[in-house]
Structures are given as C-alpha cells and as structure tokens.
C-alpha cells in the first residue's frame, strides 16, 4: 500500500488544483489559485489516474495530519509504466489548473532524487523524500532499466509526465469534480471518491491517450514503451 504525500507541513512543499472547465485554456493563460485548491487538485490528479490505470484509492485527503497537507493511498498494482504516471499525476493536474508547470517538478526534490540514484554516495540528499512524488518517479524509471545518468532519468520522467498530463486533460471535468468534493469534505474513501465523480467515464478517454503514447493501459495488457 502506497501513500502519496503532498505539501509537507514543516517545509511547505506543495501541490495545487481547480474550477477551470477547459484545460486548454490553462495553457493560454497562467492562473493563480489558493494553496488548498491546488492541493485538492493535486490529490485528485493522483486519484483519478490511479483509478483508471492502476488501483482505485481507498483514501484521498487534504486534511492536515502534522506530516503532510495532502495524501492519496492505494495499492501499486500496475506495471512501472503506469505507476510512474500515477506518481507524476499530481504535478500534471497542477499544470492543467495553473497553465504552467509546478516548479517542484524540476525543483531540488527531483534533483536530489536523481543524484542519489546516480551515485549512492549522494543517498543522504534524498533522505526524507521517500514518500514524495519526484523520488518515487525516479525509482520507477530505474526499475524499467533507465540508464543511471541525469539526462536519461530526466528524459524518462518527462516522457511519462507528458503521458500523465495528457491523460488527465482527457478527463479534466472528473478531476475537477473530485477536487471540489475534497474541498467540501476534506477526506474521501473509495466509495466517496466514486460518488464524487459520478458516472464519468475515466477509462475510455485515458486508455485512448495511453495508446497514443505507446502505452497499453487496459487491464491484463502488456505495456509497451
């Protein structure tokens, strides 16, 4: 069981999200949103993409717990090509919301994670990052045989980030609906999450995007990269 952590209370590391109906509009104009809104969308991004290609979360929360401001908990059952996208989906939701990438995607957390992966002597740099998205994404691309160089790791993270972002763009109203429910209730279990997204189809649109990126997301299929 994995718990994604967002916005550590003690360091203010963040996530995002929102009420923009057209994801394309966010690429035309940068927008600013209160922190809690972006955290709700960050967690909704993790939850929706995981439900589509990995495992439906049994907890999605934006309730502070003294460790983090946001959490999404689920089993990591899919192939690494799917898991890495789930790790990056929160940042992808931020970009769709704000019209620009989260600075954290290319921030020190990613840099330290990459350095630690390249040279074990730098492992201490990633201490405390083990539950955070950037670290988890780096670890997943390494399991796929990625060369242990900064350029190779960053290129693979970028490739899967784009697939995650495009997948969420295809179901953006669903991400928004879940974020809105989180803002109302703070915490949802699996039943509450599916109640929030209603009858929205999160599978067909996401599968189509995955196929377009050379990834087969359908259950039981063999992923290709």
C-alpha atoms as a PDB file:
ATOM      1  CA  UNK A   1       0.000   0.000   0.000  1.00  0.00           C
ATOM      2  CA  UNK A   2       1.446   3.365  -1.015  1.00  0.00           C
ATOM      3  CA  UNK A   3       0.585   6.753   0.443  1.00  0.00           C
ATOM      4  CA  UNK A   4       1.455   9.783  -1.677  1.00  0.00           C
ATOM      5  CA  UNK A   5       2.342  12.789   0.457  1.00  0.00           C
ATOM      6  CA  UNK A   6       1.769  16.375  -0.644  1.00  0.00           C
ATOM      7  CA  UNK A   7       2.878  19.665   0.935  1.00  0.00           C
ATOM      8  CA  UNK A   8       4.905  18.694   3.949  1.00  0.00           C
ATOM      9  CA  UNK A   9       3.721  20.825   6.829  1.00  0.00           C
ATOM     10  CA  UNK A  10       7.199  21.624   8.052  1.00  0.00           C
ATOM     11  CA  UNK A  11       8.638  22.685   4.672  1.00  0.00           C
ATOM     12  CA  UNK A  12       5.624  23.915   2.748  1.00  0.00           C
ATOM     13  CA  UNK A  13       6.412  21.785  -0.296  1.00  0.00           C
ATOM     14  CA  UNK A  14       3.334  21.859  -2.471  1.00  0.00           C
ATOM     15  CA  UNK A  15       0.684  20.748  -4.890  1.00  0.00           C
ATOM     16  CA  UNK A  16      -2.343  22.520  -6.483  1.00  0.00           C
ATOM     17  CA  UNK A  17      -5.853  22.483  -8.484  1.00  0.00           C
ATOM     18  CA  UNK A  18      -9.496  23.871  -9.641  1.00  0.00           C
ATOM     19  CA  UNK A  19     -12.539  25.151 -11.316  1.00  0.00           C
ATOM     20  CA  UNK A  20     -11.255  25.779 -14.831  1.00  0.00           C
ATOM     21  CA  UNK A  21     -13.554  23.998 -17.248  1.00  0.00           C
ATOM     22  CA  UNK A  22     -11.228  23.898 -20.253  1.00  0.00           C
ATOM     23  CA  UNK A  23      -7.712  22.514 -19.681  1.00  0.00           C
ATOM     24  CA  UNK A  24      -6.589  24.066 -22.955  1.00  0.00           C
ATOM     25  CA  UNK A  25      -7.424  27.460 -21.502  1.00  0.00           C
ATOM     26  CA  UNK A  26      -4.870  26.944 -18.760  1.00  0.00           C
ATOM     27  CA  UNK A  27      -2.143  26.656 -21.378  1.00  0.00           C
ATOM     28  CA  UNK A  28      -3.166  30.018 -22.830  1.00  0.00           C
ATOM     29  CA  UNK A  29      -3.237  31.980 -19.584  1.00  0.00           C
ATOM     30  CA  UNK A  30      -1.436  31.399 -16.338  1.00  0.00           C
ATOM     31  CA  UNK A  31      -3.673  31.412 -13.301  1.00  0.00           C
ATOM     32  CA  UNK A  32      -3.155  31.755  -9.582  1.00  0.00           C
ATOM     33  CA  UNK A  33      -5.120  29.761  -7.011  1.00  0.00           C
ATOM     34  CA  UNK A  34      -5.193  29.464  -3.226  1.00  0.00           C
ATOM     35  CA  UNK A  35      -2.967  26.737  -1.840  1.00  0.00           C
ATOM     36  CA  UNK A  36      -5.791  24.491  -0.637  1.00  0.00           C
ATOM     37  CA  UNK A  37      -7.388  24.496  -4.092  1.00  0.00           C
ATOM     38  CA  UNK A  38      -4.174  23.408  -5.744  1.00  0.00           C
ATOM     39  CA  UNK A  39      -3.611  20.687  -3.148  1.00  0.00           C
ATOM     40  CA  UNK A  40      -7.125  19.352  -3.756  1.00  0.00           C
ATOM     41  CA  UNK A  41      -6.488  19.148  -7.496  1.00  0.00           C
ATOM     42  CA  UNK A  42      -3.064  17.599  -6.963  1.00  0.00           C
ATOM     43  CA  UNK A  43      -4.580  14.775  -4.931  1.00  0.00           C
ATOM     44  CA  UNK A  44      -7.488  14.456  -7.370  1.00  0.00           C
ATOM     45  CA  UNK A  45      -4.980  14.016 -10.187  1.00  0.00           C
ATOM     46  CA  UNK A  46      -3.286  11.134  -8.364  1.00  0.00           C
ATOM     47  CA  UNK A  47      -6.622   9.543  -7.507  1.00  0.00           C
ATOM     48  CA  UNK A  48      -8.277   9.735 -10.930  1.00  0.00           C
ATOM     49  CA  UNK A  49      -5.302   8.466 -12.901  1.00  0.00           C
ATOM     50  CA  UNK A  50      -4.637   5.682 -10.407  1.00  0.00           C
ATOM     51  CA  UNK A  51      -8.280   4.598 -10.595  1.00  0.00           C
ATOM     52  CA  UNK A  52      -8.026   4.480 -14.396  1.00  0.00           C
ATOM     53  CA  UNK A  53      -4.723   2.633 -14.881  1.00  0.00           C
ATOM     54  CA  UNK A  54      -3.631   1.237 -11.504  1.00  0.00           C
ATOM     55  CA  UNK A  55      -5.863   0.884  -8.424  1.00  0.00           C
ATOM     56  CA  UNK A  56      -8.730   2.987  -7.098  1.00  0.00           C
ATOM     57  CA  UNK A  57      -7.576   4.767  -3.920  1.00  0.00           C
ATOM     58  CA  UNK A  58      -9.079   3.805  -0.590  1.00  0.00           C
ATOM     59  CA  UNK A  59      -8.249   7.281   0.774  1.00  0.00           C
ATOM     60  CA  UNK A  60      -7.921  10.751  -0.744  1.00  0.00           C
ATOM     61  CA  UNK A  61      -7.363  13.545   1.755  1.00  0.00           C
ATOM     62  CA  UNK A  62      -6.458  17.217   2.076  1.00  0.00           C
ATOM     63  CA  UNK A  63      -6.811  17.138   5.858  1.00  0.00           C
ATOM     64  CA  UNK A  64      -3.548  18.172   7.581  1.00  0.00           C
ATOM     65  CA  UNK A  65      -2.116  15.450   9.779  1.00  0.00           C
ATOM     66  CA  UNK A  66       1.066  17.063  11.067  1.00  0.00           C
ATOM     67  CA  UNK A  67       3.148  15.411   8.348  1.00  0.00           C
ATOM     68  CA  UNK A  68       1.544  16.491   5.085  1.00  0.00           C
ATOM     69  CA  UNK A  69      -1.314  18.586   3.736  1.00  0.00           C
ATOM     70  CA  UNK A  70      -2.459  16.006   1.184  1.00  0.00           C
ATOM     71  CA  UNK A  71      -2.437  12.225   0.883  1.00  0.00           C
ATOM     72  CA  UNK A  72      -3.661   9.614  -1.568  1.00  0.00           C
ATOM     73  CA  UNK A  73      -3.459   5.944  -0.590  1.00  0.00           C
ATOM     74  CA  UNK A  74      -3.696   2.976  -2.947  1.00  0.00           C
ATOM     75  CA  UNK A  75      -2.027  -0.275  -3.898  1.00  0.00           C
ATOM     76  CA  UNK A  76       0.546  -0.057  -6.667  1.00  0.00           C
ATOM     77  CA  UNK A  77      -0.653  -2.956  -8.803  1.00  0.00           C
ATOM     78  CA  UNK A  78       0.130  -1.781 -12.322  1.00  0.00           C
ATOM     79  CA  UNK A  79       3.298  -2.065 -14.335  1.00  0.00           C
ATOM     80  CA  UNK A  80       6.047   0.530 -13.712  1.00  0.00           C
ATOM     81  CA  UNK A  81       4.959   2.420 -16.844  1.00  0.00           C
ATOM     82  CA  UNK A  82       1.631   3.040 -15.124  1.00  0.00           C
ATOM     83  CA  UNK A  83       2.966   3.582 -11.625  1.00  0.00           C
ATOM     84  CA  UNK A  84       5.356   6.338 -12.654  1.00  0.00           C
ATOM     85  CA  UNK A  85       2.477   8.208 -14.271  1.00  0.00           C
ATOM     86  CA  UNK A  86       0.417   7.928 -11.090  1.00  0.00           C
ATOM     87  CA  UNK A  87       3.346   9.392  -9.138  1.00  0.00           C
ATOM     88  CA  UNK A  88       3.510  12.342 -11.551  1.00  0.00           C
ATOM     89  CA  UNK A  89      -0.223  12.882 -11.927  1.00  0.00           C
ATOM     90  CA  UNK A  90      -0.452  15.419  -9.112  1.00  0.00           C
ATOM     91  CA  UNK A  91       2.004  17.750 -10.830  1.00  0.00           C
ATOM     92  CA  UNK A  92       0.215  17.144 -14.141  1.00  0.00           C
ATOM     93  CA  UNK A  93      -3.053  18.290 -12.556  1.00  0.00           C
ATOM     94  CA  UNK A  94      -1.286  21.400 -11.293  1.00  0.00           C
ATOM     95  CA  UNK A  95      -0.180  22.301 -14.806  1.00  0.00           C
ATOM     96  CA  UNK A  96      -3.665  21.820 -16.216  1.00  0.00           C
ATOM     97  CA  UNK A  97      -5.019  24.032 -13.453  1.00  0.00           C
ATOM     98  CA  UNK A  98      -2.462  26.822 -13.496  1.00  0.00           C
ATOM     99  CA  UNK A  99      -1.314  26.889 -17.115  1.00  0.00           C
ATOM    100  CA  UNK A 100       2.302  26.294 -16.172  1.00  0.00           C
ATOM    101  CA  UNK A 101       4.333  23.505 -14.655  1.00  0.00           C
ATOM    102  CA  UNK A 102       4.847  23.244 -10.960  1.00  0.00           C
ATOM    103  CA  UNK A 103       8.301  24.491 -10.047  1.00  0.00           C
ATOM    104  CA  UNK A 104       8.580  21.482  -7.757  1.00  0.00           C
ATOM    105  CA  UNK A 105       8.647  19.072 -10.683  1.00  0.00           C
ATOM    106  CA  UNK A 106      12.097  20.380 -11.587  1.00  0.00           C
ATOM    107  CA  UNK A 107      12.970  21.532  -8.079  1.00  0.00           C
ATOM    108  CA  UNK A 108      15.519  20.252  -5.562  1.00  0.00           C
ATOM    109  CA  UNK A 109      13.418  17.196  -4.677  1.00  0.00           C
ATOM    110  CA  UNK A 110      13.848  15.865  -8.214  1.00  0.00           C
ATOM    111  CA  UNK A 111      17.478  16.914  -8.396  1.00  0.00           C
ATOM    112  CA  UNK A 112      18.357  15.225  -5.096  1.00  0.00           C
ATOM    113  CA  UNK A 113      16.453  12.097  -6.124  1.00  0.00           C
ATOM    114  CA  UNK A 114      18.357  11.923  -9.406  1.00  0.00           C
ATOM    115  CA  UNK A 115      21.731  12.472  -7.737  1.00  0.00           C
ATOM    116  CA  UNK A 116      21.001   9.765  -5.168  1.00  0.00           C
ATOM    117  CA  UNK A 117      20.034   7.351  -7.966  1.00  0.00           C
ATOM    118  CA  UNK A 118      23.216   8.050  -9.933  1.00  0.00           C
ATOM    119  CA  UNK A 119      25.685   7.800  -7.063  1.00  0.00           C
ATOM    120  CA  UNK A 120      24.961   6.016  -3.758  1.00  0.00           C
ATOM    121  CA  UNK A 121      27.372   8.428  -2.090  1.00  0.00           C
ATOM    122  CA  UNK A 122      24.675  11.074  -2.503  1.00  0.00           C
ATOM    123  CA  UNK A 123      21.930   8.949  -0.934  1.00  0.00           C
ATOM    124  CA  UNK A 124      21.719  11.263   2.063  1.00  0.00           C
ATOM    125  CA  UNK A 125      20.468  14.051  -0.221  1.00  0.00           C
ATOM    126  CA  UNK A 126      17.219  12.138  -0.770  1.00  0.00           C
ATOM    127  CA  UNK A 127      16.707  11.301   2.902  1.00  0.00           C
ATOM    128  CA  UNK A 128      13.123  12.072   3.857  1.00  0.00           C
ATOM    129  CA  UNK A 129      11.900  12.206   0.256  1.00  0.00           C
ATOM    130  CA  UNK A 130      10.926   8.530   0.014  1.00  0.00           C
ATOM    131  CA  UNK A 131       7.169   9.187   0.072  1.00  0.00           C
ATOM    132  CA  UNK A 132       7.218  12.101  -2.344  1.00  0.00           C
ATOM    133  CA  UNK A 133       6.296  12.148  -5.989  1.00  0.00           C
ATOM    134  CA  UNK A 134       9.615  13.127  -7.531  1.00  0.00           C
ATOM    135  CA  UNK A 135      11.576  10.450  -5.659  1.00  0.00           C
ATOM    136  CA  UNK A 136       9.011   7.760  -6.447  1.00  0.00           C
ATOM    137  CA  UNK A 137       9.001   8.669 -10.149  1.00  0.00           C
ATOM    138  CA  UNK A 138      12.787   8.387 -10.332  1.00  0.00           C
ATOM    139  CA  UNK A 139      12.717   4.995  -8.631  1.00  0.00           C
ATOM    140  CA  UNK A 140      10.099   3.701 -11.072  1.00  0.00           C
ATOM    141  CA  UNK A 141      12.023   4.696 -14.214  1.00  0.00           C
ATOM    142  CA  UNK A 142      15.074   2.940 -12.787  1.00  0.00           C
ATOM    143  CA  UNK A 143      13.084  -0.295 -12.459  1.00  0.00           C
ATOM    144  CA  UNK A 144      12.440  -0.073 -16.209  1.00  0.00           C
ATOM    145  CA  UNK A 145      16.150  -0.204 -16.971  1.00  0.00           C
ATOM    146  CA  UNK A 146      16.765   3.511 -17.394  1.00  0.00           C
ATOM    147  CA  UNK A 147      20.443   4.390 -17.583  1.00  0.00           C
ATOM    148  CA  UNK A 148      21.724   5.907 -14.341  1.00  0.00           C
ATOM    149  CA  UNK A 149      22.576   9.277 -15.849  1.00  0.00           C
ATOM    150  CA  UNK A 150      20.879  12.587 -15.117  1.00  0.00           C
ATOM    151  CA  UNK A 151      19.879  13.133 -18.756  1.00  0.00           C
ATOM    152  CA  UNK A 152      18.388   9.649 -19.162  1.00  0.00           C
ATOM    153  CA  UNK A 153      16.444   9.744 -15.897  1.00  0.00           C
ATOM    154  CA  UNK A 154      15.076  13.217 -16.534  1.00  0.00           C
ATOM    155  CA  UNK A 155      14.114  12.296 -20.107  1.00  0.00           C
ATOM    156  CA  UNK A 156      12.111   9.277 -18.930  1.00  0.00           C
ATOM    157  CA  UNK A 157      10.432  11.275 -16.158  1.00  0.00           C
ATOM    158  CA  UNK A 158       9.500  13.890 -18.759  1.00  0.00           C
ATOM    159  CA  UNK A 159       8.093  11.311 -21.154  1.00  0.00           C
ATOM    160  CA  UNK A 160       5.809   9.747 -18.571  1.00  0.00           C
ATOM    161  CA  UNK A 161       4.863  13.123 -17.148  1.00  0.00           C
ATOM    162  CA  UNK A 162       3.518  14.191 -20.541  1.00  0.00           C
ATOM    163  CA  UNK A 163       1.519  10.955 -20.814  1.00  0.00           C
ATOM    164  CA  UNK A 164       0.041  11.563 -17.357  1.00  0.00           C
ATOM    165  CA  UNK A 165      -0.806  15.171 -18.162  1.00  0.00           C
ATOM    166  CA  UNK A 166      -2.481  14.286 -21.451  1.00  0.00           C
ATOM    167  CA  UNK A 167      -4.449  11.512 -19.761  1.00  0.00           C
ATOM    168  CA  UNK A 168      -5.791  13.879 -17.110  1.00  0.00           C
ATOM    169  CA  UNK A 169      -6.602  16.507 -19.721  1.00  0.00           C
ATOM    170  CA  UNK A 170      -8.878  13.934 -21.366  1.00  0.00           C
ATOM    171  CA  UNK A 171     -10.904  13.609 -18.145  1.00  0.00           C
ATOM    172  CA  UNK A 172     -10.373  17.054 -16.653  1.00  0.00           C
ATOM    173  CA  UNK A 173     -14.001  17.660 -15.578  1.00  0.00           C
ATOM    174  CA  UNK A 174     -13.753  14.485 -13.494  1.00  0.00           C
ATOM    175  CA  UNK A 175     -10.579  15.707 -11.804  1.00  0.00           C
ATOM    176  CA  UNK A 176     -12.359  18.989 -11.059  1.00  0.00           C
ATOM    177  CA  UNK A 177     -15.379  17.213  -9.612  1.00  0.00           C
ATOM    178  CA  UNK A 178     -13.209  15.194  -7.246  1.00  0.00           C
ATOM    179  CA  UNK A 179     -11.213  18.266  -6.221  1.00  0.00           C
ATOM    180  CA  UNK A 180     -14.454  20.096  -5.455  1.00  0.00           C
ATOM    181  CA  UNK A 181     -15.628  17.196  -3.282  1.00  0.00           C
ATOM    182  CA  UNK A 182     -12.310  17.221  -1.416  1.00  0.00           C
ATOM    183  CA  UNK A 183     -12.678  20.922  -0.728  1.00  0.00           C
ATOM    184  CA  UNK A 184     -16.114  20.210   0.723  1.00  0.00           C
ATOM    185  CA  UNK A 185     -15.311  17.106   2.761  1.00  0.00           C
ATOM    186  CA  UNK A 186     -11.502  17.162   3.173  1.00  0.00           C
ATOM    187  CA  UNK A 187     -11.287  13.358   3.074  1.00  0.00           C
ATOM    188  CA  UNK A 188     -12.920  10.670   0.953  1.00  0.00           C
ATOM    189  CA  UNK A 189     -12.774   6.899   0.998  1.00  0.00           C
ATOM    190  CA  UNK A 190     -13.123   4.840  -2.182  1.00  0.00           C
ATOM    191  CA  UNK A 191     -16.917   4.936  -2.099  1.00  0.00           C
ATOM    192  CA  UNK A 192     -16.885   8.678  -1.585  1.00  0.00           C
ATOM    193  CA  UNK A 193     -14.447   9.171  -4.434  1.00  0.00           C
ATOM    194  CA  UNK A 194     -16.644   7.304  -6.916  1.00  0.00           C
ATOM    195  CA  UNK A 195     -19.707   9.156  -5.629  1.00  0.00           C
ATOM    196  CA  UNK A 196     -17.908  12.430  -6.350  1.00  0.00           C
ATOM    197  CA  UNK A 197     -17.042  11.537  -9.946  1.00  0.00           C
ATOM    198  CA  UNK A 198     -20.469  10.021 -10.608  1.00  0.00           C
ATOM    199  CA  UNK A 199     -20.954   8.265 -13.918  1.00  0.00           C
ATOM    200  CA  UNK A 200     -17.973   9.888 -15.598  1.00  0.00           C
ATOM    201  CA  UNK A 201     -16.041   7.563 -17.892  1.00  0.00           C
ATOM    202  CA  UNK A 202     -12.418   7.727 -16.772  1.00  0.00           C
ATOM    203  CA  UNK A 203     -11.369   4.591 -18.629  1.00  0.00           C
ATOM    204  CA  UNK A 204     -12.084   5.057 -22.322  1.00  0.00           C
ATOM    205  CA  UNK A 205     -10.549   8.536 -22.659  1.00  0.00           C
ATOM    206  CA  UNK A 206      -7.473   7.628 -20.597  1.00  0.00           C
ATOM    207  CA  UNK A 207      -6.944   4.342 -22.437  1.00  0.00           C
ATOM    208  CA  UNK A 208      -7.072   6.220 -25.748  1.00  0.00           C
ATOM    209  CA  UNK A 209      -4.386   8.646 -24.590  1.00  0.00           C
ATOM    210  CA  UNK A 210      -2.244   5.827 -23.260  1.00  0.00           C
ATOM    211  CA  UNK A 211      -2.441   4.053 -26.604  1.00  0.00           C
ATOM    212  CA  UNK A 212      -1.484   7.273 -28.392  1.00  0.00           C
ATOM    213  CA  UNK A 213       1.644   7.435 -26.226  1.00  0.00           C
ATOM    214  CA  UNK A 214       2.551   3.834 -26.992  1.00  0.00           C
ATOM    215  CA  UNK A 215       1.350   2.607 -23.600  1.00  0.00           C
ATOM    216  CA  UNK A 216      -1.329  -0.021 -23.180  1.00  0.00           C
ATOM    217  CA  UNK A 217      -3.290   0.733 -20.061  1.00  0.00           C
ATOM    218  CA  UNK A 218      -6.059  -1.816 -20.352  1.00  0.00           C
ATOM    219  CA  UNK A 219      -6.083  -4.385 -17.549  1.00  0.00           C
ATOM    220  CA  UNK A 220      -4.199  -7.506 -18.490  1.00  0.00           C
ATOM    221  CA  UNK A 221      -2.433  -5.910 -21.428  1.00  0.00           C
ATOM    222  CA  UNK A 222       1.299  -5.778 -21.918  1.00  0.00           C
ATOM    223  CA  UNK A 223       2.621  -2.250 -21.657  1.00  0.00           C
ATOM    224  CA  UNK A 224       4.972  -1.099 -24.381  1.00  0.00           C
ATOM    225  CA  UNK A 225       7.366   1.805 -24.313  1.00  0.00           C
END
